[in-house]
mmCIF file of all heavy atoms, coordinates in Angstrom:
data_MODEL
# 
_entry.id   MODEL 
# 
loop_
_atom_site.group_PDB 
_atom_site.id 
_atom_site.type_symbol 
_atom_site.label_atom_id 
_atom_site.label_alt_id 
_atom_site.label_comp_id 
_atom_site.label_asym_id 
_atom_site.label_entity_id 
_atom_site.label_seq_id 
_atom_site.pdbx_PDB_ins_code 
_atom_site.Cartn_x 
_atom_site.Cartn_y 
_atom_site.Cartn_z 
_atom_site.occupancy 
_atom_site.B_iso_or_equiv 
_atom_site.pdbx_formal_charge 
_atom_site.auth_seq_id 
_atom_site.auth_comp_id 
_atom_site.auth_asym_id 
_atom_site.auth_atom_id 
_atom_site.pdbx_PDB_model_num 
ATOM 1   N N   . GLY A 1 1  ? 201.652 149.940 83.001 1.00 0.00 ? 1  GLY A N   1 
ATOM 2   C CA  . GLY A 1 1  ? 202.944 150.129 83.625 1.00 0.00 ? 1  GLY A CA  1 
ATOM 3   C C   . GLY A 1 1  ? 204.081 150.316 82.671 1.00 0.00 ? 1  GLY A C   1 
ATOM 4   O O   . GLY A 1 1  ? 203.967 150.075 81.459 1.00 0.00 ? 1  GLY A O   1 
ATOM 5   N N   . VAL A 1 2  ? 205.204 150.813 83.263 1.00 0.00 ? 2  VAL A N   1 
ATOM 6   C CA  . VAL A 1 2  ? 206.449 150.993 82.474 1.00 0.00 ? 2  VAL A CA  1 
ATOM 7   C C   . VAL A 1 2  ? 207.574 150.407 83.286 1.00 0.00 ? 2  VAL A C   1 
ATOM 8   O O   . VAL A 1 2  ? 207.551 150.578 84.502 1.00 0.00 ? 2  VAL A O   1 
ATOM 9   C CB  . VAL A 1 2  ? 206.703 152.483 82.202 1.00 0.00 ? 2  VAL A CB  1 
ATOM 10  C CG1 . VAL A 1 2  ? 208.087 152.635 81.690 1.00 0.00 ? 2  VAL A CG1 1 
ATOM 11  C CG2 . VAL A 1 2  ? 205.713 153.024 81.237 1.00 0.00 ? 2  VAL A CG2 1 
ATOM 12  N N   . ILE A 1 3  ? 208.594 149.723 82.626 1.00 0.00 ? 3  ILE A N   1 
ATOM 13  C CA  . ILE A 1 3  ? 209.667 149.275 83.319 1.00 0.00 ? 3  ILE A CA  1 
ATOM 14  C C   . ILE A 1 3  ? 210.894 150.041 82.848 1.00 0.00 ? 3  ILE A C   1 
ATOM 15  O O   . ILE A 1 3  ? 211.152 150.170 81.619 1.00 0.00 ? 3  ILE A O   1 
ATOM 16  C CB  . ILE A 1 3  ? 209.909 147.759 83.064 1.00 0.00 ? 3  ILE A CB  1 
ATOM 17  C CG1 . ILE A 1 3  ? 208.859 146.940 83.809 1.00 0.00 ? 3  ILE A CG1 1 
ATOM 18  C CG2 . ILE A 1 3  ? 211.308 147.276 83.524 1.00 0.00 ? 3  ILE A CG2 1 
ATOM 19  C CD1 . ILE A 1 3  ? 209.009 145.447 83.618 1.00 0.00 ? 3  ILE A CD1 1 
ATOM 20  N N   . VAL A 1 4  ? 211.638 150.574 83.790 1.00 0.00 ? 4  VAL A N   1 
ATOM 21  C CA  . VAL A 1 4  ? 212.857 151.383 83.500 1.00 0.00 ? 4  VAL A CA  1 
ATOM 22  C C   . VAL A 1 4  ? 214.076 150.532 84.038 1.00 0.00 ? 4  VAL A C   1 
ATOM 23  O O   . VAL A 1 4  ? 214.078 150.122 85.244 1.00 0.00 ? 4  VAL A O   1 
ATOM 24  C CB  . VAL A 1 4  ? 212.900 152.751 84.119 1.00 0.00 ? 4  VAL A CB  1 
ATOM 25  C CG1 . VAL A 1 4  ? 214.195 153.402 84.055 1.00 0.00 ? 4  VAL A CG1 1 
ATOM 26  C CG2 . VAL A 1 4  ? 211.791 153.605 83.461 1.00 0.00 ? 4  VAL A CG2 1 
ATOM 27  N N   . ALA A 1 5  ? 215.055 150.313 83.289 1.00 0.00 ? 5  ALA A N   1 
ATOM 28  C CA  . ALA A 1 5  ? 216.256 149.605 83.667 1.00 0.00 ? 5  ALA A CA  1 
ATOM 29  C C   . ALA A 1 5  ? 217.435 150.661 83.742 1.00 0.00 ? 5  ALA A C   1 
ATOM 30  O O   . ALA A 1 5  ? 217.820 151.285 82.702 1.00 0.00 ? 5  ALA A O   1 
ATOM 31  C CB  . ALA A 1 5  ? 216.657 148.545 82.664 1.00 0.00 ? 5  ALA A CB  1 
ATOM 32  N N   . GLY A 1 6  ? 217.826 150.909 84.953 1.00 0.00 ? 6  GLY A N   1 
ATOM 33  C CA  . GLY A 1 6  ? 218.953 151.830 85.173 1.00 0.00 ? 6  GLY A CA  1 
ATOM 34  C C   . GLY A 1 6  ? 220.271 151.092 85.249 1.00 0.00 ? 6  GLY A C   1 
ATOM 35  O O   . GLY A 1 6  ? 220.435 150.215 84.480 1.00 0.00 ? 6  GLY A O   1 
ATOM 36  N N   . ARG A 1 7  ? 221.113 151.439 86.180 1.00 0.00 ? 7  ARG A N   1 
ATOM 37  C CA  . ARG A 1 7  ? 222.390 150.763 86.268 1.00 0.00 ? 7  ARG A CA  1 
ATOM 38  C C   . ARG A 1 7  ? 222.253 149.404 86.834 1.00 0.00 ? 7  ARG A C   1 
ATOM 39  O O   . ARG A 1 7  ? 221.894 149.242 87.999 1.00 0.00 ? 7  ARG A O   1 
ATOM 40  C CB  . ARG A 1 7  ? 223.314 151.618 87.164 1.00 0.00 ? 7  ARG A CB  1 
ATOM 41  C CG  . ARG A 1 7  ? 224.766 151.057 87.293 1.00 0.00 ? 7  ARG A CG  1 
ATOM 42  C CD  . ARG A 1 7  ? 225.524 152.041 88.123 1.00 0.00 ? 7  ARG A CD  1 
ATOM 43  N NE  . ARG A 1 7  ? 224.985 152.198 89.468 1.00 0.00 ? 7  ARG A NE  1 
ATOM 44  C CZ  . ARG A 1 7  ? 225.484 153.076 90.365 1.00 0.00 ? 7  ARG A CZ  1 
ATOM 45  N NH1 . ARG A 1 7  ? 226.397 153.889 90.073 1.00 0.00 ? 7  ARG A NH1 1 
ATOM 46  N NH2 . ARG A 1 7  ? 224.848 153.142 91.599 1.00 0.00 ? 7  ARG A NH2 1 
ATOM 47  N N   . ILE A 1 8  ? 222.604 148.368 86.055 1.00 0.00 ? 8  ILE A N   1 
ATOM 48  C CA  . ILE A 1 8  ? 222.523 146.948 86.401 1.00 0.00 ? 8  ILE A CA  1 
ATOM 49  C C   . ILE A 1 8  ? 223.882 146.389 86.072 1.00 0.00 ? 8  ILE A C   1 
ATOM 50  O O   . ILE A 1 8  ? 224.322 146.432 84.914 1.00 0.00 ? 8  ILE A O   1 
ATOM 51  C CB  . ILE A 1 8  ? 221.400 146.248 85.700 1.00 0.00 ? 8  ILE A CB  1 
ATOM 52  C CG1 . ILE A 1 8  ? 220.024 146.885 86.026 1.00 0.00 ? 8  ILE A CG1 1 
ATOM 53  C CG2 . ILE A 1 8  ? 221.424 144.739 86.105 1.00 0.00 ? 8  ILE A CG2 1 
ATOM 54  C CD1 . ILE A 1 8  ? 218.901 146.240 85.217 1.00 0.00 ? 8  ILE A CD1 1 
ATOM 55  N N   . GLN A 1 9  ? 224.600 145.797 87.021 1.00 0.00 ? 9  GLN A N   1 
ATOM 56  C CA  . GLN A 1 9  ? 225.892 145.317 86.802 1.00 0.00 ? 9  GLN A CA  1 
ATOM 57  C C   . GLN A 1 9  ? 225.923 143.955 86.300 1.00 0.00 ? 9  GLN A C   1 
ATOM 58  O O   . GLN A 1 9  ? 226.862 143.578 85.533 1.00 0.00 ? 9  GLN A O   1 
ATOM 59  C CB  . GLN A 1 9  ? 226.743 145.461 88.121 1.00 0.00 ? 9  GLN A CB  1 
ATOM 60  C CG  . GLN A 1 9  ? 226.939 146.889 88.557 1.00 0.00 ? 9  GLN A CG  1 
ATOM 61  C CD  . GLN A 1 9  ? 227.869 147.023 89.841 1.00 0.00 ? 9  GLN A CD  1 
ATOM 62  O OE1 . GLN A 1 9  ? 228.254 145.970 90.391 1.00 0.00 ? 9  GLN A OE1 1 
ATOM 63  N NE2 . GLN A 1 9  ? 228.176 148.232 90.222 1.00 0.00 ? 9  GLN A NE2 1 
ATOM 64  N N   . ASP A 1 10 ? 224.994 143.136 86.654 1.00 0.00 ? 10 ASP A N   1 
ATOM 65  C CA  . ASP A 1 10 ? 224.991 141.689 86.338 1.00 0.00 ? 10 ASP A CA  1 
ATOM 66  C C   . ASP A 1 10 ? 224.114 141.504 85.029 1.00 0.00 ? 10 ASP A C   1 
ATOM 67  O O   . ASP A 1 10 ? 222.997 141.848 85.048 1.00 0.00 ? 10 ASP A O   1 
ATOM 68  C CB  . ASP A 1 10 ? 224.316 140.904 87.517 1.00 0.00 ? 10 ASP A CB  1 
ATOM 69  C CG  . ASP A 1 10 ? 224.453 139.419 87.207 1.00 0.00 ? 10 ASP A CG  1 
ATOM 70  O OD1 . ASP A 1 10 ? 224.739 138.997 86.103 1.00 0.00 ? 10 ASP A OD1 1 
ATOM 71  O OD2 . ASP A 1 10 ? 224.197 138.601 88.096 1.00 0.00 ? 10 ASP A OD2 1 
ATOM 72  N N   . PRO A 1 11 ? 224.764 141.065 83.924 1.00 0.00 ? 11 PRO A N   1 
ATOM 73  C CA  . PRO A 1 11 ? 224.041 140.854 82.729 1.00 0.00 ? 11 PRO A CA  1 
ATOM 74  C C   . PRO A 1 11 ? 222.835 139.941 82.840 1.00 0.00 ? 11 PRO A C   1 
ATOM 75  O O   . PRO A 1 11 ? 221.810 140.102 82.200 1.00 0.00 ? 11 PRO A O   1 
ATOM 76  C CB  . PRO A 1 11 ? 225.072 140.288 81.758 1.00 0.00 ? 11 PRO A CB  1 
ATOM 77  C CG  . PRO A 1 11 ? 226.416 140.791 82.362 1.00 0.00 ? 11 PRO A CG  1 
ATOM 78  C CD  . PRO A 1 11 ? 226.218 140.772 83.762 1.00 0.00 ? 11 PRO A CD  1 
ATOM 79  N N   . ALA A 1 12 ? 223.025 138.900 83.721 1.00 0.00 ? 12 ALA A N   1 
ATOM 80  C CA  . ALA A 1 12 ? 221.911 137.951 83.892 1.00 0.00 ? 12 ALA A CA  1 
ATOM 81  C C   . ALA A 1 12 ? 220.640 138.670 84.503 1.00 0.00 ? 12 ALA A C   1 
ATOM 82  O O   . ALA A 1 12 ? 219.526 138.364 84.187 1.00 0.00 ? 12 ALA A O   1 
ATOM 83  C CB  . ALA A 1 12 ? 222.403 136.810 84.800 1.00 0.00 ? 12 ALA A CB  1 
ATOM 84  N N   . GLN A 1 13 ? 220.971 139.607 85.437 1.00 0.00 ? 13 GLN A N   1 
ATOM 85  C CA  . GLN A 1 13 ? 219.795 140.334 86.071 1.00 0.00 ? 13 GLN A CA  1 
ATOM 86  C C   . GLN A 1 13 ? 219.168 141.254 84.974 1.00 0.00 ? 13 GLN A C   1 
ATOM 87  O O   . GLN A 1 13 ? 217.939 141.437 85.017 1.00 0.00 ? 13 GLN A O   1 
ATOM 88  C CB  . GLN A 1 13 ? 220.286 141.117 87.187 1.00 0.00 ? 13 GLN A CB  1 
ATOM 89  C CG  . GLN A 1 13 ? 220.783 140.303 88.481 1.00 0.00 ? 13 GLN A CG  1 
ATOM 90  C CD  . GLN A 1 13 ? 221.191 141.138 89.628 1.00 0.00 ? 13 GLN A CD  1 
ATOM 91  O OE1 . GLN A 1 13 ? 221.313 142.344 89.542 1.00 0.00 ? 13 GLN A OE1 1 
ATOM 92  N NE2 . GLN A 1 13 ? 221.572 140.467 90.709 1.00 0.00 ? 13 GLN A NE2 1 
ATOM 93  N N   . GLY A 1 14 ? 220.037 141.802 84.173 1.00 0.00 ? 14 GLY A N   1 
ATOM 94  C CA  . GLY A 1 14 ? 219.495 142.613 83.089 1.00 0.00 ? 14 GLY A CA  1 
ATOM 95  C C   . GLY A 1 14 ? 218.531 141.767 82.156 1.00 0.00 ? 14 GLY A C   1 
ATOM 96  O O   . GLY A 1 14 ? 217.427 142.323 81.811 1.00 0.00 ? 14 GLY A O   1 
ATOM 97  N N   . LYS A 1 15 ? 218.932 140.571 81.843 1.00 0.00 ? 15 LYS A N   1 
ATOM 98  C CA  . LYS A 1 15 ? 218.066 139.780 80.980 1.00 0.00 ? 15 LYS A CA  1 
ATOM 99  C C   . LYS A 1 15 ? 216.755 139.373 81.680 1.00 0.00 ? 15 LYS A C   1 
ATOM 100 O O   . LYS A 1 15 ? 215.733 139.210 81.024 1.00 0.00 ? 15 LYS A O   1 
ATOM 101 C CB  . LYS A 1 15 ? 218.825 138.482 80.598 1.00 0.00 ? 15 LYS A CB  1 
ATOM 102 C CG  . LYS A 1 15 ? 219.939 138.769 79.621 1.00 0.00 ? 15 LYS A CG  1 
ATOM 103 C CD  . LYS A 1 15 ? 220.764 137.422 79.307 1.00 0.00 ? 15 LYS A CD  1 
ATOM 104 C CE  . LYS A 1 15 ? 221.879 137.731 78.385 1.00 0.00 ? 15 LYS A CE  1 
ATOM 105 N NZ  . LYS A 1 15 ? 222.622 136.462 78.021 1.00 0.00 ? 15 LYS A NZ  1 
ATOM 106 N N   . ALA A 1 16 ? 216.916 139.223 82.973 1.00 0.00 ? 16 ALA A N   1 
ATOM 107 C CA  . ALA A 1 16 ? 215.662 138.863 83.753 1.00 0.00 ? 16 ALA A CA  1 
ATOM 108 C C   . ALA A 1 16 ? 214.701 140.144 83.757 1.00 0.00 ? 16 ALA A C   1 
ATOM 109 O O   . ALA A 1 16 ? 213.454 139.870 83.633 1.00 0.00 ? 16 ALA A O   1 
ATOM 110 C CB  . ALA A 1 16 ? 216.017 138.579 85.156 1.00 0.00 ? 16 ALA A CB  1 
ATOM 111 N N   . VAL A 1 17 ? 215.179 141.288 83.814 1.00 0.00 ? 17 VAL A N   1 
ATOM 112 C CA  . VAL A 1 17 ? 214.359 142.476 83.672 1.00 0.00 ? 17 VAL A CA  1 
ATOM 113 C C   . VAL A 1 17 ? 213.702 142.600 82.328 1.00 0.00 ? 17 VAL A C   1 
ATOM 114 O O   . VAL A 1 17 ? 212.465 142.792 82.199 1.00 0.00 ? 17 VAL A O   1 
ATOM 115 C CB  . VAL A 1 17 ? 215.154 143.736 83.997 1.00 0.00 ? 17 VAL A CB  1 
ATOM 116 C CG1 . VAL A 1 17 ? 214.386 145.031 83.702 1.00 0.00 ? 17 VAL A CG1 1 
ATOM 117 C CG2 . VAL A 1 17 ? 215.646 143.781 85.390 1.00 0.00 ? 17 VAL A CG2 1 
ATOM 118 N N   . ALA A 1 18 ? 214.496 142.290 81.267 1.00 0.00 ? 18 ALA A N   1 
ATOM 119 C CA  . ALA A 1 18 ? 213.864 142.311 79.924 1.00 0.00 ? 18 ALA A CA  1 
ATOM 120 C C   . ALA A 1 18 ? 212.768 141.224 79.803 1.00 0.00 ? 18 ALA A C   1 
ATOM 121 O O   . ALA A 1 18 ? 211.666 141.456 79.142 1.00 0.00 ? 18 ALA A O   1 
ATOM 122 C CB  . ALA A 1 18 ? 214.925 142.133 78.917 1.00 0.00 ? 18 ALA A CB  1 
ATOM 123 N N   . ALA A 1 19 ? 213.016 140.107 80.418 1.00 0.00 ? 19 ALA A N   1 
ATOM 124 C CA  . ALA A 1 19 ? 212.069 139.045 80.330 1.00 0.00 ? 19 ALA A CA  1 
ATOM 125 C C   . ALA A 1 19 ? 210.766 139.368 81.111 1.00 0.00 ? 19 ALA A C   1 
ATOM 126 O O   . ALA A 1 19 ? 209.559 139.051 80.686 1.00 0.00 ? 19 ALA A O   1 
ATOM 127 C CB  . ALA A 1 19 ? 212.632 137.675 80.878 1.00 0.00 ? 19 ALA A CB  1 
ATOM 128 N N   . LEU A 1 20 ? 210.903 140.025 82.206 1.00 0.00 ? 20 LEU A N   1 
ATOM 129 C CA  . LEU A 1 20 ? 209.754 140.520 82.974 1.00 0.00 ? 20 LEU A CA  1 
ATOM 130 C C   . LEU A 1 20 ? 208.945 141.537 82.194 1.00 0.00 ? 20 LEU A C   1 
ATOM 131 O O   . LEU A 1 20 ? 207.692 141.417 82.182 1.00 0.00 ? 20 LEU A O   1 
ATOM 132 C CB  . LEU A 1 20 ? 210.217 141.127 84.272 1.00 0.00 ? 20 LEU A CB  1 
ATOM 133 C CG  . LEU A 1 20 ? 209.100 141.676 85.125 1.00 0.00 ? 20 LEU A CG  1 
ATOM 134 C CD1 . LEU A 1 20 ? 208.176 140.599 85.624 1.00 0.00 ? 20 LEU A CD1 1 
ATOM 135 C CD2 . LEU A 1 20 ? 209.662 142.392 86.390 1.00 0.00 ? 20 LEU A CD2 1 
ATOM 136 N N   . ALA A 1 21 ? 209.574 142.406 81.506 1.00 0.00 ? 21 ALA A N   1 
ATOM 137 C CA  . ALA A 1 21 ? 208.832 143.431 80.622 1.00 0.00 ? 21 ALA A CA  1 
ATOM 138 C C   . ALA A 1 21 ? 208.074 142.794 79.579 1.00 0.00 ? 21 ALA A C   1 
ATOM 139 O O   . ALA A 1 21 ? 206.956 143.108 79.278 1.00 0.00 ? 21 ALA A O   1 
ATOM 140 C CB  . ALA A 1 21 ? 209.836 144.383 80.106 1.00 0.00 ? 21 ALA A CB  1 
ATOM 141 N N   . GLU A 1 22 ? 208.724 141.682 79.019 1.00 0.00 ? 22 GLU A N   1 
ATOM 142 C CA  . GLU A 1 22 ? 207.990 140.982 77.899 1.00 0.00 ? 22 GLU A CA  1 
ATOM 143 C C   . GLU A 1 22 ? 206.853 140.203 78.442 1.00 0.00 ? 22 GLU A C   1 
ATOM 144 O O   . GLU A 1 22 ? 205.699 140.219 77.790 1.00 0.00 ? 22 GLU A O   1 
ATOM 145 C CB  . GLU A 1 22 ? 208.996 140.058 77.161 1.00 0.00 ? 22 GLU A CB  1 
ATOM 146 C CG  . GLU A 1 22 ? 208.373 139.348 75.927 1.00 0.00 ? 22 GLU A CG  1 
ATOM 147 C CD  . GLU A 1 22 ? 209.467 138.655 75.135 1.00 0.00 ? 22 GLU A CD  1 
ATOM 148 O OE1 . GLU A 1 22 ? 210.552 138.400 75.681 1.00 0.00 ? 22 GLU A OE1 1 
ATOM 149 O OE2 . GLU A 1 22 ? 209.155 138.172 74.084 1.00 0.00 ? 22 GLU A OE2 1 
ATOM 150 N N   . ARG A 1 23 ? 206.981 139.637 79.619 1.00 0.00 ? 23 ARG A N   1 
ATOM 151 C CA  . ARG A 1 23 ? 205.859 138.816 80.169 1.00 0.00 ? 23 ARG A CA  1 
ATOM 152 C C   . ARG A 1 23 ? 204.714 139.699 80.581 1.00 0.00 ? 23 ARG A C   1 
ATOM 153 O O   . ARG A 1 23 ? 203.547 139.409 80.438 1.00 0.00 ? 23 ARG A O   1 
ATOM 154 C CB  . ARG A 1 23 ? 206.413 138.077 81.379 1.00 0.00 ? 23 ARG A CB  1 
ATOM 155 C CG  . ARG A 1 23 ? 205.353 137.229 82.060 1.00 0.00 ? 23 ARG A CG  1 
ATOM 156 C CD  . ARG A 1 23 ? 205.945 136.157 83.014 1.00 0.00 ? 23 ARG A CD  1 
ATOM 157 N NE  . ARG A 1 23 ? 206.707 136.702 84.000 1.00 0.00 ? 23 ARG A NE  1 
ATOM 158 C CZ  . ARG A 1 23 ? 206.217 137.023 85.197 1.00 0.00 ? 23 ARG A CZ  1 
ATOM 159 N NH1 . ARG A 1 23 ? 205.000 136.905 85.458 1.00 0.00 ? 23 ARG A NH1 1 
ATOM 160 N NH2 . ARG A 1 23 ? 207.063 137.489 86.107 1.00 0.00 ? 23 ARG A NH2 1 
ATOM 161 N N   . LEU A 1 24 ? 205.007 140.958 81.186 1.00 0.00 ? 24 LEU A N   1 
ATOM 162 C CA  . LEU A 1 24 ? 203.919 141.845 81.559 1.00 0.00 ? 24 LEU A CA  1 
ATOM 163 C C   . LEU A 1 24 ? 203.284 142.616 80.396 1.00 0.00 ? 24 LEU A C   1 
ATOM 164 O O   . LEU A 1 24 ? 202.284 143.106 80.525 1.00 0.00 ? 24 LEU A O   1 
ATOM 165 C CB  . LEU A 1 24 ? 204.481 142.888 82.625 1.00 0.00 ? 24 LEU A CB  1 
ATOM 166 C CG  . LEU A 1 24 ? 204.987 142.274 83.887 1.00 0.00 ? 24 LEU A CG  1 
ATOM 167 C CD1 . LEU A 1 24 ? 205.577 143.356 84.829 1.00 0.00 ? 24 LEU A CD1 1 
ATOM 168 C CD2 . LEU A 1 24 ? 203.747 141.589 84.649 1.00 0.00 ? 24 LEU A CD2 1 
ATOM 169 N N   . GLY A 1 25 ? 204.110 142.726 79.247 1.00 0.00 ? 25 GLY A N   1 
ATOM 170 C CA  . GLY A 1 25 ? 203.660 143.519 78.143 1.00 0.00 ? 25 GLY A CA  1 
ATOM 171 C C   . GLY A 1 25 ? 203.798 144.974 78.464 1.00 0.00 ? 25 GLY A C   1 
ATOM 172 O O   . GLY A 1 25 ? 203.097 145.784 77.800 1.00 0.00 ? 25 GLY A O   1 
ATOM 173 N N   . TRP A 1 26 ? 204.714 145.393 79.249 1.00 0.00 ? 26 TRP A N   1 
ATOM 174 C CA  . TRP A 1 26 ? 204.978 146.784 79.636 1.00 0.00 ? 26 TRP A CA  1 
ATOM 175 C C   . TRP A 1 26 ? 206.101 147.342 78.718 1.00 0.00 ? 26 TRP A C   1 
ATOM 176 O O   . TRP A 1 26 ? 207.080 146.508 78.596 1.00 0.00 ? 26 TRP A O   1 
ATOM 177 C CB  . TRP A 1 26 ? 205.336 147.012 81.093 1.00 0.00 ? 26 TRP A CB  1 
ATOM 178 C CG  . TRP A 1 26 ? 204.169 146.812 81.986 1.00 0.00 ? 26 TRP A CG  1 
ATOM 179 C CD1 . TRP A 1 26 ? 202.897 146.292 81.726 1.00 0.00 ? 26 TRP A CD1 1 
ATOM 180 C CD2 . TRP A 1 26 ? 204.226 146.883 83.456 1.00 0.00 ? 26 TRP A CD2 1 
ATOM 181 N NE1 . TRP A 1 26 ? 202.158 146.286 82.835 1.00 0.00 ? 26 TRP A NE1 1 
ATOM 182 C CE2 . TRP A 1 26 ? 202.915 146.516 83.865 1.00 0.00 ? 26 TRP A CE2 1 
ATOM 183 C CE3 . TRP A 1 26 ? 205.187 147.214 84.364 1.00 0.00 ? 26 TRP A CE3 1 
ATOM 184 C CZ2 . TRP A 1 26 ? 202.562 146.532 85.199 1.00 0.00 ? 26 TRP A CZ2 1 
ATOM 185 C CZ3 . TRP A 1 26 ? 204.898 147.220 85.687 1.00 0.00 ? 26 TRP A CZ3 1 
ATOM 186 C CH2 . TRP A 1 26 ? 203.572 146.922 86.107 1.00 0.00 ? 26 TRP A CH2 1 
ATOM 187 N N   . PRO A 1 27 ? 206.127 148.551 78.371 1.00 0.00 ? 27 PRO A N   1 
ATOM 188 C CA  . PRO A 1 27 ? 207.288 149.112 77.649 1.00 0.00 ? 27 PRO A CA  1 
ATOM 189 C C   . PRO A 1 27 ? 208.533 149.024 78.521 1.00 0.00 ? 27 PRO A C   1 
ATOM 190 O O   . PRO A 1 27 ? 208.414 149.306 79.703 1.00 0.00 ? 27 PRO A O   1 
ATOM 191 C CB  . PRO A 1 27 ? 206.828 150.561 77.365 1.00 0.00 ? 27 PRO A CB  1 
ATOM 192 C CG  . PRO A 1 27 ? 205.418 150.609 77.529 1.00 0.00 ? 27 PRO A CG  1 
ATOM 193 C CD  . PRO A 1 27 ? 204.994 149.519 78.525 1.00 0.00 ? 27 PRO A CD  1 
ATOM 194 N N   . LEU A 1 28 ? 209.669 148.783 77.914 1.00 0.00 ? 28 LEU A N   1 
ATOM 195 C CA  . LEU A 1 28 ? 210.995 148.773 78.559 1.00 0.00 ? 28 LEU A CA  1 
ATOM 196 C C   . LEU A 1 28 ? 211.803 149.995 78.096 1.00 0.00 ? 28 LEU A C   1 
ATOM 197 O O   . LEU A 1 28 ? 212.091 150.090 76.903 1.00 0.00 ? 28 LEU A O   1 
ATOM 198 C CB  . LEU A 1 28 ? 211.696 147.384 78.220 1.00 0.00 ? 28 LEU A CB  1 
ATOM 199 C CG  . LEU A 1 28 ? 213.107 147.305 78.748 1.00 0.00 ? 28 LEU A CG  1 
ATOM 200 C CD1 . LEU A 1 28 ? 213.131 147.322 80.275 1.00 0.00 ? 28 LEU A CD1 1 
ATOM 201 C CD2 . LEU A 1 28 ? 213.789 146.023 78.293 1.00 0.00 ? 28 LEU A CD2 1 
ATOM 202 N N   . LEU A 1 29 ? 212.263 150.710 79.114 1.00 0.00 ? 29 LEU A N   1 
ATOM 203 C CA  . LEU A 1 29 ? 213.169 151.817 78.748 1.00 0.00 ? 29 LEU A CA  1 
ATOM 204 C C   . LEU A 1 29 ? 214.456 151.527 79.464 1.00 0.00 ? 29 LEU A C   1 
ATOM 205 O O   . LEU A 1 29 ? 214.593 151.639 80.651 1.00 0.00 ? 29 LEU A O   1 
ATOM 206 C CB  . LEU A 1 29 ? 212.562 153.128 79.333 1.00 0.00 ? 29 LEU A CB  1 
ATOM 207 C CG  . LEU A 1 29 ? 211.062 153.423 78.975 1.00 0.00 ? 29 LEU A CG  1 
ATOM 208 C CD1 . LEU A 1 29 ? 210.616 154.684 79.584 1.00 0.00 ? 29 LEU A CD1 1 
ATOM 209 C CD2 . LEU A 1 29 ? 210.838 153.407 77.465 1.00 0.00 ? 29 LEU A CD2 1 
ATOM 210 N N   . ALA A 1 30 ? 215.436 151.147 78.663 1.00 0.00 ? 30 ALA A N   1 
ATOM 211 C CA  . ALA A 1 30 ? 216.713 150.632 79.234 1.00 0.00 ? 30 ALA A CA  1 
ATOM 212 C C   . ALA A 1 30 ? 217.801 151.650 78.999 1.00 0.00 ? 30 ALA A C   1 
ATOM 213 O O   . ALA A 1 30 ? 218.136 152.093 77.931 1.00 0.00 ? 30 ALA A O   1 
ATOM 214 C CB  . ALA A 1 30 ? 217.052 149.297 78.537 1.00 0.00 ? 30 ALA A CB  1 
# 
């Protein structure tokens, strides 16, 4: 899989997305 981070207003939610990408081992395209 791949995780794409688009428009995210809350920095805490953005960090949660990055943490999920690291946990799954999927590439993160932010």
